[in-house]
Amino acid sequence: MEDRIALKVVTAEGVVLERQVNYVSIPTPDGSVGILCDHAPMLCAVGKGNVRCRFDGTQTDSVAVSGGVASVENNKLVILAETKNTAE
């Protein structure tokens, strides 16, 4: 069984993305941060850009955000985003 991360992206409107993923890329003010299974606990600012994730091997999804915070702990990643749009 593949290692997974529980990803949840939340805005004031509610949960906009929630799924088990293999990899997540988060935009930060200083560049992108990649998150894999068993990542060390982390709290960081989220910048403007696309939160990109890979699941089921090769399938991808993304959500555009314009700021917020991200928390990683125990293979759970929660992003509290200021705004969201479906990224292309």
Protein backbone atom coordinates (compact mmCIF):
# COMPACT_ATOMS: atom_id res chain seq x y z
CA MET A 1 0.00 0.00 0.00
CA GLU A 2 1.29 3.45 -0.91
CA ASP A 3 2.05 6.05 1.71
CA ARG A 4 -0.55 8.81 1.78
CA ILE A 5 -1.09 12.26 3.20
CA ALA A 6 -4.54 13.46 4.26
CA LEU A 7 -4.88 16.82 2.47
CA LYS A 8 -7.56 19.35 3.36
CA VAL A 9 -7.83 22.86 1.86
CA VAL A 10 -10.26 25.09 3.74
CA THR A 11 -11.53 28.62 3.03
CA ALA A 12 -14.16 30.77 4.71
CA GLU A 13 -16.63 29.07 2.34
CA GLY A 14 -15.76 25.63 3.70
CA VAL A 15 -13.69 22.65 2.57
CA VAL A 16 -12.72 23.05 -1.09
CA LEU A 17 -10.42 20.04 -1.47
CA GLU A 18 -10.12 16.93 0.68
CA ARG A 19 -8.42 13.71 -0.37
CA GLN A 20 -5.66 11.22 0.29
CA VAL A 21 -2.61 12.18 -1.79
CA ASN A 22 0.93 11.00 -2.50
CA TYR A 23 2.50 14.47 -2.89
CA VAL A 24 1.56 18.14 -2.38
CA SER A 25 3.30 21.31 -3.55
CA ILE A 26 2.44 24.45 -1.56
CA PRO A 27 3.22 27.99 -2.77
CA THR A 28 4.96 30.04 -0.06
CA PRO A 29 6.26 33.62 -0.12
CA ASP A 30 9.79 32.19 -0.59
CA GLY A 31 9.00 29.53 -3.23
CA SER A 32 7.27 26.16 -3.35
CA VAL A 33 7.46 23.53 -0.61
CA GLY A 34 6.97 19.86 -1.46
CA ILE A 35 5.31 17.56 1.08
CA LEU A 36 5.62 13.77 1.06
CA CYS A 37 4.49 11.14 3.54
CA ASP A 38 6.26 11.29 6.94
CA HIS A 39 7.22 14.97 6.49
CA ALA A 40 8.49 16.63 9.67
CA PRO A 41 5.92 18.77 11.51
CA MET A 42 5.79 22.23 9.95
CA LEU A 43 3.79 25.44 10.04
CA CYS A 44 4.28 27.89 7.17
CA ALA A 45 2.75 30.85 5.38
CA VAL A 46 1.01 30.13 2.10
CA GLY A 47 1.61 32.55 -0.76
CA LYS A 48 -0.27 33.29 -3.95
CA GLY A 49 -0.26 30.39 -6.40
CA ASN A 50 -1.49 26.85 -6.93
CA VAL A 51 -1.63 24.09 -4.32
CA ARG A 52 -0.88 21.06 -6.48
CA CYS A 53 -1.33 17.46 -5.45
CA ARG A 54 -0.70 14.02 -6.97
CA PHE A 55 -2.81 11.00 -6.07
CA ASP A 56 -3.32 7.46 -7.32
CA GLY A 57 0.12 7.47 -8.90
CA THR A 58 -0.23 9.95 -11.75
CA GLN A 59 -3.53 11.82 -11.36
CA THR A 60 -3.25 15.46 -10.32
CA ASP A 61 -5.47 18.21 -8.94
CA SER A 62 -4.85 21.81 -7.95
CA VAL A 63 -6.48 24.77 -6.27
CA ALA A 64 -5.42 28.41 -6.68
CA VAL A 65 -4.95 30.27 -3.40
CA SER A 66 -3.91 33.81 -2.52
CA GLY A 67 -2.47 33.37 0.95
CA GLY A 68 -3.05 31.63 4.25
CA VAL A 69 -1.27 29.12 6.48
CA ALA A 70 -0.40 25.44 6.18
CA SER A 71 0.14 22.90 8.95
CA VAL A 72 1.75 19.47 8.51
CA GLU A 73 1.73 16.86 11.28
CA ASN A 74 1.31 13.07 11.41
CA ASN A 75 0.69 12.76 7.64
CA LYS A 76 -2.09 15.36 7.79
CA LEU A 77 -1.80 18.61 5.84
CA VAL A 78 -4.34 21.34 6.48
CA ILE A 79 -4.24 24.55 4.45
CA LEU A 80 -6.33 27.49 5.65
CA ALA A 81 -6.52 29.59 2.50
CA GLU A 82 -7.75 33.15 2.05
CA THR A 83 -9.37 32.50 -1.33
CA LYS A 84 -9.69 29.66 -3.77
CA ASN A 85 -10.29 29.07 -7.44
CA THR A 86 -10.03 25.89 -9.41
CA ALA A 87 -6.58 26.01 -10.99
CA GLU A 88 -5.96 24.97 -14.56
